[in-house]
N, C-alpha and C. Protein backbone atom coordinates (compact mmCIF):
# COMPACT_ATOMS: atom_id res chain seq x y z
N MET A 1 94.39 130.28 38.17
CA MET A 1 93.53 131.41 37.89
C MET A 1 94.08 132.18 36.69
N VAL A 2 93.24 132.49 35.76
CA VAL A 2 93.61 133.25 34.58
C VAL A 2 93.23 134.71 34.80
N LYS A 3 94.17 135.60 34.52
CA LYS A 3 93.87 137.03 34.63
C LYS A 3 93.49 137.55 33.26
N VAL A 4 92.37 138.21 33.20
CA VAL A 4 91.88 138.74 31.94
C VAL A 4 92.08 140.24 31.93
N ASN A 5 92.56 140.75 30.82
CA ASN A 5 92.76 142.18 30.66
C ASN A 5 91.78 142.67 29.61
N PRO A 6 90.79 143.47 30.00
CA PRO A 6 89.78 143.92 29.04
C PRO A 6 90.33 144.86 27.97
N LEU A 7 91.50 145.45 28.18
CA LEU A 7 92.07 146.38 27.20
C LEU A 7 92.84 145.65 26.10
N ARG A 8 93.11 144.38 26.26
CA ARG A 8 93.88 143.61 25.29
C ARG A 8 92.95 142.70 24.52
N LYS A 9 92.93 142.81 23.19
CA LYS A 9 92.01 142.02 22.36
C LYS A 9 92.41 140.56 22.32
N ASN A 10 93.65 140.28 22.00
CA ASN A 10 94.14 138.91 21.93
C ASN A 10 95.46 138.84 22.69
N PRO A 11 95.43 138.47 23.98
CA PRO A 11 96.62 138.55 24.81
C PRO A 11 97.78 137.67 24.34
N ARG A 12 97.52 136.59 23.67
CA ARG A 12 98.61 135.72 23.23
C ARG A 12 99.29 136.24 21.96
N ARG A 13 98.52 136.80 21.04
CA ARG A 13 99.05 137.20 19.74
C ARG A 13 99.76 138.55 19.76
N ASP A 14 99.32 139.50 20.56
CA ASP A 14 99.89 140.83 20.48
C ASP A 14 100.98 141.09 21.53
N ARG A 15 101.52 140.06 22.12
CA ARG A 15 102.53 140.21 23.16
C ARG A 15 103.93 140.19 22.56
N ALA A 16 104.67 141.30 22.74
CA ALA A 16 106.04 141.41 22.23
C ALA A 16 106.99 140.66 23.18
N PRO A 17 108.12 140.16 22.67
CA PRO A 17 109.10 139.50 23.55
C PRO A 17 109.54 140.44 24.67
N ARG A 18 109.68 139.90 25.88
CA ARG A 18 110.02 140.70 27.05
C ARG A 18 111.41 140.34 27.57
N VAL A 19 112.07 141.34 28.15
CA VAL A 19 113.38 141.14 28.75
C VAL A 19 113.28 141.52 30.22
N LYS A 20 113.67 140.62 31.11
CA LYS A 20 113.71 140.94 32.54
C LYS A 20 114.77 142.01 32.74
N ALA A 21 114.39 143.12 33.38
CA ALA A 21 115.32 144.22 33.59
C ALA A 21 114.87 145.04 34.79
N SER A 22 115.80 145.42 35.64
CA SER A 22 115.49 146.20 36.83
C SER A 22 116.23 147.53 36.77
N PHE A 23 115.48 148.60 36.44
CA PHE A 23 116.03 149.95 36.37
C PHE A 23 115.16 150.88 37.21
N PRO A 24 115.75 151.91 37.82
CA PRO A 24 114.95 152.87 38.59
C PRO A 24 113.94 153.60 37.69
N VAL A 25 112.73 153.83 38.24
CA VAL A 25 111.66 154.52 37.53
C VAL A 25 111.22 155.72 38.37
N HIS A 26 110.94 156.85 37.70
CA HIS A 26 110.52 158.08 38.38
C HIS A 26 109.25 158.60 37.73
N LEU A 27 108.21 158.84 38.55
CA LEU A 27 106.96 159.44 38.10
C LEU A 27 106.78 160.77 38.82
N SER A 28 105.88 161.60 38.30
CA SER A 28 105.59 162.85 38.99
C SER A 28 104.98 162.56 40.36
N GLY A 29 105.02 163.54 41.25
CA GLY A 29 104.49 163.35 42.59
C GLY A 29 105.43 162.56 43.48
N ASN A 30 106.71 162.52 43.11
CA ASN A 30 107.74 161.81 43.87
C ASN A 30 107.45 160.31 44.00
N ILE A 31 106.78 159.74 43.01
CA ILE A 31 106.51 158.29 42.98
C ILE A 31 107.74 157.60 42.40
N ARG A 32 108.17 156.55 43.06
CA ARG A 32 109.36 155.82 42.64
C ARG A 32 109.03 154.35 42.43
N GLY A 33 109.91 153.67 41.71
CA GLY A 33 109.75 152.25 41.51
C GLY A 33 110.90 151.69 40.71
N VAL A 34 110.70 150.48 40.20
CA VAL A 34 111.69 149.81 39.36
C VAL A 34 110.96 149.08 38.24
N THR A 35 111.64 148.91 37.13
CA THR A 35 111.08 148.10 36.05
C THR A 35 111.20 146.63 36.43
N GLN A 36 110.26 145.82 35.95
CA GLN A 36 110.32 144.37 36.14
C GLN A 36 110.71 143.70 34.83
N ASP A 37 110.10 144.16 33.74
CA ASP A 37 110.48 143.71 32.40
C ASP A 37 110.12 144.78 31.39
N ILE A 38 110.80 144.69 30.25
CA ILE A 38 110.65 145.70 29.19
C ILE A 38 110.48 144.98 27.86
N SER A 39 109.59 145.51 27.03
CA SER A 39 109.44 145.01 25.66
C SER A 39 109.40 146.21 24.72
N ALA A 40 109.28 145.95 23.44
CA ALA A 40 109.20 147.04 22.46
C ALA A 40 107.91 147.83 22.60
N THR A 41 106.89 147.23 23.22
CA THR A 41 105.58 147.89 23.28
C THR A 41 105.12 148.26 24.69
N GLY A 42 105.84 147.81 25.72
CA GLY A 42 105.40 148.11 27.07
C GLY A 42 106.46 147.86 28.12
N ILE A 43 106.19 148.37 29.32
CA ILE A 43 107.08 148.20 30.46
C ILE A 43 106.23 147.79 31.66
N TYR A 44 106.68 146.76 32.37
CA TYR A 44 106.01 146.30 33.59
C TYR A 44 106.74 146.93 34.77
N LEU A 45 106.00 147.69 35.59
CA LEU A 45 106.59 148.48 36.67
C LEU A 45 106.20 147.96 38.04
N ASP A 46 107.08 148.12 39.00
CA ASP A 46 106.82 147.86 40.41
C ASP A 46 106.91 149.22 41.10
N LEU A 47 105.77 149.78 41.53
CA LEU A 47 105.71 151.15 42.04
C LEU A 47 105.30 151.19 43.51
N ASP A 48 105.51 152.36 44.13
CA ASP A 48 105.12 152.55 45.52
C ASP A 48 103.81 153.31 45.66
N ALA A 49 103.07 153.50 44.56
CA ALA A 49 101.78 154.18 44.61
C ALA A 49 100.83 153.58 43.57
N ASN A 50 99.55 153.58 43.88
CA ASN A 50 98.56 152.98 43.00
C ASN A 50 98.38 153.80 41.73
N GLN A 51 97.99 153.13 40.65
CA GLN A 51 97.68 153.76 39.38
C GLN A 51 96.32 153.24 38.92
N GLU A 52 95.66 154.00 38.08
CA GLU A 52 94.31 153.67 37.63
C GLU A 52 94.36 152.99 36.26
N PRO A 53 93.78 151.78 36.10
CA PRO A 53 93.74 151.15 34.78
C PRO A 53 93.07 152.07 33.75
N GLY A 54 93.68 152.16 32.57
CA GLY A 54 93.16 153.01 31.51
C GLY A 54 93.74 154.41 31.51
N SER A 55 94.37 154.81 32.63
CA SER A 55 94.94 156.16 32.69
C SER A 55 96.23 156.26 31.88
N ILE A 56 96.60 157.48 31.55
CA ILE A 56 97.85 157.76 30.86
C ILE A 56 98.83 158.31 31.89
N ILE A 57 100.02 157.70 31.97
CA ILE A 57 101.04 158.17 32.91
C ILE A 57 102.31 158.55 32.16
N SER A 58 103.05 159.47 32.75
CA SER A 58 104.35 159.87 32.23
C SER A 58 105.39 159.46 33.26
N PHE A 59 106.49 158.89 32.79
CA PHE A 59 107.56 158.47 33.69
C PHE A 59 108.86 158.41 32.93
N TRP A 60 109.96 158.31 33.67
CA TRP A 60 111.24 158.08 33.01
C TRP A 60 112.00 156.98 33.73
N VAL A 61 112.74 156.23 32.92
CA VAL A 61 113.52 155.09 33.38
C VAL A 61 114.99 155.48 33.31
N GLU A 62 115.69 155.31 34.43
CA GLU A 62 117.12 155.64 34.51
C GLU A 62 117.94 154.49 33.95
N LEU A 63 118.75 154.77 32.93
CA LEU A 63 119.58 153.76 32.29
C LEU A 63 121.05 154.11 32.49
N ASP A 64 121.82 153.18 32.98
CA ASP A 64 123.26 153.38 33.19
C ASP A 64 124.00 152.67 32.06
N THR A 65 124.28 153.40 30.98
CA THR A 65 124.93 152.81 29.81
C THR A 65 126.44 152.95 29.93
N ALA A 66 127.18 152.28 29.06
CA ALA A 66 128.63 152.34 29.09
C ALA A 66 129.14 153.76 28.82
N GLY A 67 128.43 154.52 27.98
CA GLY A 67 128.89 155.86 27.63
C GLY A 67 128.50 156.92 28.64
N ALA A 68 127.30 156.85 29.17
CA ALA A 68 126.81 157.86 30.11
C ALA A 68 125.47 157.41 30.68
N LYS A 69 125.03 158.11 31.71
CA LYS A 69 123.69 157.84 32.24
C LYS A 69 122.68 158.48 31.31
N MET A 70 121.63 157.72 31.00
CA MET A 70 120.57 158.18 30.10
C MET A 70 119.23 158.00 30.79
N LYS A 71 118.20 158.64 30.24
CA LYS A 71 116.85 158.38 30.72
C LYS A 71 115.94 158.15 29.53
N LEU A 72 115.08 157.16 29.68
CA LEU A 72 114.07 156.86 28.68
C LEU A 72 112.78 157.49 29.18
N VAL A 73 112.36 158.57 28.53
CA VAL A 73 111.16 159.30 28.93
C VAL A 73 109.98 158.70 28.18
N CYS A 74 108.95 158.28 28.92
CA CYS A 74 107.82 157.56 28.33
C CYS A 74 106.48 158.17 28.72
N GLU A 75 105.54 158.05 27.80
CA GLU A 75 104.14 158.25 28.09
C GLU A 75 103.50 156.90 27.77
N ALA A 76 102.67 156.41 28.69
CA ALA A 76 102.11 155.07 28.51
C ALA A 76 100.71 154.97 29.10
N GLN A 77 99.96 154.02 28.56
CA GLN A 77 98.63 153.72 29.09
C GLN A 77 98.76 152.58 30.10
N VAL A 78 98.13 152.72 31.24
CA VAL A 78 98.09 151.67 32.25
C VAL A 78 97.09 150.62 31.78
N VAL A 79 97.57 149.39 31.54
CA VAL A 79 96.70 148.32 31.05
C VAL A 79 96.38 147.27 32.11
N ARG A 80 97.17 147.25 33.19
CA ARG A 80 96.92 146.27 34.25
C ARG A 80 97.51 146.79 35.56
N VAL A 81 96.80 146.58 36.67
CA VAL A 81 97.27 146.95 38.00
C VAL A 81 97.02 145.78 38.94
N GLU A 82 98.06 145.38 39.67
CA GLU A 82 97.95 144.29 40.65
C GLU A 82 98.61 144.73 41.95
N GLN A 83 98.02 144.38 43.07
CA GLN A 83 98.60 144.64 44.38
C GLN A 83 99.31 143.37 44.84
N ALA A 84 100.58 143.51 45.31
CA ALA A 84 101.31 142.35 45.80
C ALA A 84 102.38 142.79 46.79
N ASP A 85 102.35 142.21 47.98
CA ASP A 85 103.35 142.48 49.01
C ASP A 85 103.53 143.97 49.31
N GLY A 86 102.43 144.70 49.36
CA GLY A 86 102.49 146.13 49.67
C GLY A 86 103.00 146.99 48.53
N ARG A 87 103.18 146.41 47.38
CA ARG A 87 103.65 147.13 46.20
C ARG A 87 102.56 147.11 45.14
N VAL A 88 102.72 147.96 44.13
CA VAL A 88 101.76 148.03 43.03
C VAL A 88 102.48 147.62 41.75
N LYS A 89 102.01 146.55 41.12
CA LYS A 89 102.56 146.08 39.85
C LYS A 89 101.71 146.66 38.74
N VAL A 90 102.34 147.37 37.80
CA VAL A 90 101.62 148.10 36.77
C VAL A 90 102.11 147.70 35.39
N GLY A 91 101.22 147.16 34.57
CA GLY A 91 101.53 146.86 33.18
C GLY A 91 101.19 148.07 32.33
N THR A 92 102.11 148.50 31.48
CA THR A 92 101.87 149.67 30.64
C THR A 92 102.07 149.35 29.17
N LYS A 93 101.38 150.10 28.34
CA LYS A 93 101.55 150.05 26.89
C LYS A 93 102.12 151.41 26.48
N ILE A 94 103.31 151.40 25.88
CA ILE A 94 103.99 152.65 25.54
C ILE A 94 103.27 153.37 24.41
N ILE A 95 103.01 154.66 24.63
CA ILE A 95 102.43 155.53 23.62
C ILE A 95 103.54 156.29 22.90
N SER A 96 104.46 156.84 23.69
CA SER A 96 105.62 157.54 23.12
C SER A 96 106.82 157.37 24.04
N GLN A 97 108.01 157.47 23.46
CA GLN A 97 109.24 157.34 24.23
C GLN A 97 110.34 158.15 23.57
N GLU A 98 111.25 158.65 24.39
CA GLU A 98 112.38 159.43 23.89
C GLU A 98 113.58 159.19 24.80
N LEU A 99 114.73 158.91 24.23
CA LEU A 99 115.95 158.70 24.99
C LEU A 99 116.67 160.04 25.13
N GLN A 100 117.01 160.41 26.38
CA GLN A 100 117.66 161.71 26.64
C GLN A 100 118.85 161.50 27.57
N ALA A 101 119.79 162.46 27.53
CA ALA A 101 120.91 162.45 28.49
C ALA A 101 120.35 162.75 29.87
N LEU A 102 120.91 162.11 30.88
CA LEU A 102 120.47 162.33 32.26
C LEU A 102 121.37 163.40 32.88
N ASN A 103 120.84 164.57 33.05
CA ASN A 103 121.57 165.69 33.65
C ASN A 103 121.19 165.79 35.11
N ARG A 104 122.13 165.59 35.99
CA ARG A 104 121.83 165.68 37.43
C ARG A 104 122.43 166.92 38.01
């Protein structure tokens, strides 16, 4: 079965290289999850709450670097939503991002 994404014009040509990575993700409303993979243009998320295709979401990804804990603060468009094993898989296209120190 081929999955078609109506928001993507040419799915093969505009796809940036992806890196498998699992980092904690935090959204407003106490929504939590983890990253599945990351590219220069998007992040694939595994979340505990549904998201609406086409919506704009804000979230931050917790990064544990050698120097200190950081957070990647993102605004992204939801381009794909899939339900699997009681979880919500969300493909996003990054609109803006900023790396900040994680102050706890």
